[in-house]
Amino acid sequence: MAPKRAPREVFLASGLTVFIALERLLGDAPGPETVRVESACTPTCDGRECGDDGCGGSYGDCADGSFCLEEAGICF
């Protein structure tokens, strides 16, 4: 029996077409493969200069000596 492989995560930009090819190595036992697709997240960066983009990323960082007011997305 082949060892269980760790899951892989891939984060993609919206609007992309992606093709997934699954390949088995010699010695792998036949069996089911699972591919899970979660809904896309589109950050709304309108007028924001810093803070969490709501999709696991950031709008940007503030300059040294200033801080981000996250709710407003502006640097002070």
C-alpha atoms as a PDB file:
ATOM      1  CA  MET A   1       0.000   0.000   0.000  1.00  0.00           C
ATOM      2  CA  ALA A   2       1.366   3.416  -0.955  1.00  0.00           C
ATOM      3  CA  PRO A   3       1.928   5.966   1.815  1.00  0.00           C
ATOM      4  CA  LYS A   4      -0.751   8.601   2.248  1.00  0.00           C
ATOM      5  CA  ARG A   5       0.247  11.940   0.692  1.00  0.00           C
ATOM      6  CA  ALA A   6      -0.219  15.245   2.450  1.00  0.00           C
ATOM      7  CA  PRO A   7      -2.908  17.498   0.967  1.00  0.00           C
ATOM      8  CA  ARG A   8      -1.743  20.349  -1.245  1.00  0.00           C
ATOM      9  CA  GLU A   9      -3.260  23.806  -1.270  1.00  0.00           C
ATOM     10  CA  VAL A  10      -3.115  26.082  -4.271  1.00  0.00           C
ATOM     11  CA  PHE A  11      -4.339  29.673  -4.192  1.00  0.00           C
ATOM     12  CA  LEU A  12      -5.283  31.160  -7.553  1.00  0.00           C
ATOM     13  CA  ALA A  13      -6.370  34.566  -8.777  1.00  0.00           C
ATOM     14  CA  SER A  14      -9.961  34.904  -9.886  1.00  0.00           C
ATOM     15  CA  GLY A  15     -10.736  34.691 -13.578  1.00  0.00           C
ATOM     16  CA  LEU A  16      -8.208  31.923 -14.304  1.00  0.00           C
ATOM     17  CA  THR A  17      -9.036  28.680 -16.053  1.00  0.00           C
ATOM     18  CA  VAL A  18      -7.213  25.794 -14.391  1.00  0.00           C
ATOM     19  CA  PHE A  19      -6.720  22.235 -15.593  1.00  0.00           C
ATOM     20  CA  ILE A  20      -5.827  19.592 -13.017  1.00  0.00           C
ATOM     21  CA  ALA A  21      -3.975  16.443 -14.033  1.00  0.00           C
ATOM     22  CA  LEU A  22      -3.587  13.630 -11.519  1.00  0.00           C
ATOM     23  CA  GLU A  23      -0.712  11.245 -12.050  1.00  0.00           C
ATOM     24  CA  ARG A  24       0.111   8.002 -10.304  1.00  0.00           C
ATOM     25  CA  LEU A  25       3.639   6.814  -9.732  1.00  0.00           C
ATOM     26  CA  LEU A  26       4.793   3.267 -10.399  1.00  0.00           C
ATOM     27  CA  GLY A  27       3.819   1.143  -7.465  1.00  0.00           C
ATOM     28  CA  ASP A  28       0.865   3.315  -6.442  1.00  0.00           C
ATOM     29  CA  ALA A  29      -2.233   1.286  -5.857  1.00  0.00           C
ATOM     30  CA  PRO A  30      -5.261   2.314  -7.891  1.00  0.00           C
ATOM     31  CA  GLY A  31      -7.856   4.138  -5.884  1.00  0.00           C
ATOM     32  CA  PRO A  32      -9.884   7.294  -5.614  1.00  0.00           C
ATOM     33  CA  GLU A  33      -8.346  10.745  -5.679  1.00  0.00           C
ATOM     34  CA  THR A  34     -10.065  13.714  -4.108  1.00  0.00           C
ATOM     35  CA  VAL A  35      -9.972  17.216  -5.534  1.00  0.00           C
ATOM     36  CA  ARG A  36     -11.760  19.908  -3.543  1.00  0.00           C
ATOM     37  CA  VAL A  37     -12.454  23.351  -4.947  1.00  0.00           C
ATOM     38  CA  GLU A  38     -13.545  26.084  -2.599  1.00  0.00           C
ATOM     39  CA  SER A  39     -15.222  29.280  -3.673  1.00  0.00           C
ATOM     40  CA  ALA A  40     -13.044  32.058  -4.904  1.00  0.00           C
ATOM     41  CA  CYS A  41     -12.453  35.157  -2.848  1.00  0.00           C
ATOM     42  CA  THR A  42     -12.173  38.553  -4.487  1.00  0.00           C
ATOM     43  CA  PRO A  43     -10.689  41.277  -2.300  1.00  0.00           C
ATOM     44  CA  THR A  44     -12.340  44.673  -2.457  1.00  0.00           C
ATOM     45  CA  CYS A  45      -9.458  47.129  -2.264  1.00  0.00           C
ATOM     46  CA  ASP A  46     -11.404  50.242  -3.281  1.00  0.00           C
ATOM     47  CA  GLY A  47      -9.540  53.178  -1.718  1.00  0.00           C
ATOM     48  CA  ARG A  48      -7.779  51.060   0.919  1.00  0.00           C
ATOM     49  CA  GLU A  49      -4.067  51.335   1.544  1.00  0.00           C
ATOM     50  CA  CYS A  50      -3.556  48.844   4.386  1.00  0.00           C
ATOM     51  CA  GLY A  51      -5.130  46.025   6.381  1.00  0.00           C
ATOM     52  CA  ASP A  52      -6.632  42.601   5.813  1.00  0.00           C
ATOM     53  CA  ASP A  53      -8.178  42.140   2.356  1.00  0.00           C
ATOM     54  CA  GLY A  54     -10.634  39.507   3.601  1.00  0.00           C
ATOM     55  CA  CYS A  55      -9.082  36.812   1.388  1.00  0.00           C
ATOM     56  CA  GLY A  56      -6.007  35.901   3.414  1.00  0.00           C
ATOM     57  CA  GLY A  57      -3.867  38.711   2.034  1.00  0.00           C
ATOM     58  CA  SER A  58      -3.250  42.359   2.707  1.00  0.00           C
ATOM     59  CA  TYR A  59      -3.938  45.647   0.962  1.00  0.00           C
ATOM     60  CA  GLY A  60      -0.455  46.791   1.914  1.00  0.00           C
ATOM     61  CA  ASP A  61       1.679  48.012   4.788  1.00  0.00           C
ATOM     62  CA  CYS A  62       1.978  51.450   6.307  1.00  0.00           C
ATOM     63  CA  ALA A  63       5.255  53.383   6.286  1.00  0.00           C
ATOM     64  CA  ASP A  64       7.546  53.167   9.314  1.00  0.00           C
ATOM     65  CA  GLY A  65       6.238  55.210  12.228  1.00  0.00           C
ATOM     66  CA  SER A  66       2.594  54.976  11.144  1.00  0.00           C
ATOM     67  CA  PHE A  67      -0.089  52.390  11.845  1.00  0.00           C
ATOM     68  CA  CYS A  68      -3.092  50.979  10.032  1.00  0.00           C
ATOM     69  CA  LEU A  69      -6.635  51.790  11.068  1.00  0.00           C
ATOM     70  CA  GLU A  70      -7.940  48.417   9.840  1.00  0.00           C
ATOM     71  CA  GLU A  71     -11.653  49.303   9.797  1.00  0.00           C
ATOM     72  CA  ALA A  72     -11.038  52.191   7.403  1.00  0.00           C
ATOM     73  CA  GLY A  73      -8.032  50.733   5.570  1.00  0.00           C
ATOM     74  CA  ILE A  74      -5.971  53.902   6.003  1.00  0.00           C
ATOM     75  CA  CYS A  75      -2.533  54.625   7.467  1.00  0.00           C
ATOM     76  CA  PHE A  76      -1.984  57.150  10.292  1.00  0.00           C
END
